[in-house]
Amino acid sequence: MDNSAGLFEQLQQRLACASEPLEVLNQFEAELLYAFPAEATSVVELVASWGHRLGVLTREDIDGFV
């Protein structure tokens, strides 16, 4: 991961040029889980929240998931 930009900014940049935003979101989550395995619950919640905030996930997508 590129540490020069914040994680949210990195995700925004990746999504800006993505043809499959959900795949980008899943890959980003996988990278964070690999880097921070002890924080798995927080990572999943954070990525779901950011995915919703950025319009990749709908509220229905994350209901019952987080």
C-alpha atoms as a PDB file:
ATOM      1  CA  MET A   1       0.000   0.000   0.000  1.00  0.00           C
ATOM      2  CA  ASP A   2       1.081   3.542  -0.702  1.00  0.00           C
ATOM      3  CA  ASN A   3       1.624   5.234   2.652  1.00  0.00           C
ATOM      4  CA  SER A   4       2.034   8.748   1.214  1.00  0.00           C
ATOM      5  CA  ALA A   5      -1.749   9.182   0.933  1.00  0.00           C
ATOM      6  CA  GLY A   6      -4.243   8.375   3.664  1.00  0.00           C
ATOM      7  CA  LEU A   7      -6.124   5.115   3.352  1.00  0.00           C
ATOM      8  CA  PHE A   8      -9.415   6.804   2.476  1.00  0.00           C
ATOM      9  CA  GLU A   9      -7.680   8.833  -0.239  1.00  0.00           C
ATOM     10  CA  GLN A  10      -6.030   5.695  -1.596  1.00  0.00           C
ATOM     11  CA  LEU A  11      -9.404   4.004  -1.849  1.00  0.00           C
ATOM     12  CA  GLN A  12     -10.905   7.051  -3.575  1.00  0.00           C
ATOM     13  CA  GLN A  13      -8.078   7.078  -6.121  1.00  0.00           C
ATOM     14  CA  ARG A  14      -8.471   3.375  -6.867  1.00  0.00           C
ATOM     15  CA  LEU A  15     -12.232   3.681  -7.261  1.00  0.00           C
ATOM     16  CA  ALA A  16     -11.949   6.729  -9.520  1.00  0.00           C
ATOM     17  CA  CYS A  17     -10.475   4.669 -12.336  1.00  0.00           C
ATOM     18  CA  ALA A  18     -12.125   1.319 -11.596  1.00  0.00           C
ATOM     19  CA  SER A  19     -14.413  -0.487 -13.986  1.00  0.00           C
ATOM     20  CA  GLU A  20     -15.444  -2.874 -11.171  1.00  0.00           C
ATOM     21  CA  PRO A  21     -15.674  -0.828  -7.946  1.00  0.00           C
ATOM     22  CA  LEU A  22     -16.805  -3.773  -5.825  1.00  0.00           C
ATOM     23  CA  GLU A  23     -13.708  -5.750  -6.824  1.00  0.00           C
ATOM     24  CA  VAL A  24     -11.545  -2.760  -5.877  1.00  0.00           C
ATOM     25  CA  LEU A  25     -13.283  -2.530  -2.504  1.00  0.00           C
ATOM     26  CA  ASN A  26     -12.800  -6.264  -1.877  1.00  0.00           C
ATOM     27  CA  GLN A  27      -9.114  -6.092  -2.827  1.00  0.00           C
ATOM     28  CA  PHE A  28      -8.570  -3.055  -0.607  1.00  0.00           C
ATOM     29  CA  GLU A  29     -10.203  -4.860   2.306  1.00  0.00           C
ATOM     30  CA  ALA A  30      -8.054  -7.957   1.695  1.00  0.00           C
ATOM     31  CA  GLU A  31      -4.884  -5.842   1.739  1.00  0.00           C
ATOM     32  CA  LEU A  32      -5.889  -4.198   5.011  1.00  0.00           C
ATOM     33  CA  LEU A  33      -6.787  -7.545   6.568  1.00  0.00           C
ATOM     34  CA  TYR A  34      -3.380  -8.890   5.555  1.00  0.00           C
ATOM     35  CA  ALA A  35      -1.630  -5.840   7.031  1.00  0.00           C
ATOM     36  CA  PHE A  36      -3.741  -5.708  10.202  1.00  0.00           C
ATOM     37  CA  PRO A  37      -5.044  -9.218  10.986  1.00  0.00           C
ATOM     38  CA  ALA A  38      -5.586  -8.452  14.676  1.00  0.00           C
ATOM     39  CA  GLU A  39      -7.956  -5.636  13.689  1.00  0.00           C
ATOM     40  CA  ALA A  40     -10.123  -7.710  11.339  1.00  0.00           C
ATOM     41  CA  THR A  41     -13.470  -6.598  12.763  1.00  0.00           C
ATOM     42  CA  SER A  42     -12.504  -2.934  12.609  1.00  0.00           C
ATOM     43  CA  VAL A  43     -11.157  -3.316   9.074  1.00  0.00           C
ATOM     44  CA  VAL A  44     -14.385  -4.892   7.815  1.00  0.00           C
ATOM     45  CA  GLU A  45     -16.501  -2.202   9.496  1.00  0.00           C
ATOM     46  CA  LEU A  46     -14.291   0.598   8.191  1.00  0.00           C
ATOM     47  CA  VAL A  47     -14.222  -0.645   4.604  1.00  0.00           C
ATOM     48  CA  ALA A  48     -17.990  -1.198   4.640  1.00  0.00           C
ATOM     49  CA  SER A  49     -18.506   2.327   5.953  1.00  0.00           C
ATOM     50  CA  TRP A  50     -16.183   3.840   3.356  1.00  0.00           C
ATOM     51  CA  GLY A  51     -17.753   1.742   0.617  1.00  0.00           C
ATOM     52  CA  HIS A  52     -21.162   3.118   1.570  1.00  0.00           C
ATOM     53  CA  ARG A  53     -19.843   6.674   1.865  1.00  0.00           C
ATOM     54  CA  LEU A  54     -18.278   6.447  -1.599  1.00  0.00           C
ATOM     55  CA  GLY A  55     -21.410   4.986  -3.175  1.00  0.00           C
ATOM     56  CA  VAL A  56     -20.089   1.489  -3.832  1.00  0.00           C
ATOM     57  CA  LEU A  57     -22.321  -0.182  -1.249  1.00  0.00           C
ATOM     58  CA  THR A  58     -25.953   0.585  -0.520  1.00  0.00           C
ATOM     59  CA  ARG A  59     -27.428   0.488   2.955  1.00  0.00           C
ATOM     60  CA  GLU A  60     -29.121  -2.779   2.012  1.00  0.00           C
ATOM     61  CA  ASP A  61     -25.723  -4.229   1.052  1.00  0.00           C
ATOM     62  CA  ILE A  62     -24.373  -3.733   4.556  1.00  0.00           C
ATOM     63  CA  ASP A  63     -27.496  -4.416   6.647  1.00  0.00           C
ATOM     64  CA  GLY A  64     -26.832  -7.542   8.648  1.00  0.00           C
ATOM     65  CA  PHE A  65     -23.252  -7.658   7.371  1.00  0.00           C
ATOM     66  CA  VAL A  66     -21.634  -5.313   9.872  1.00  0.00           C
END
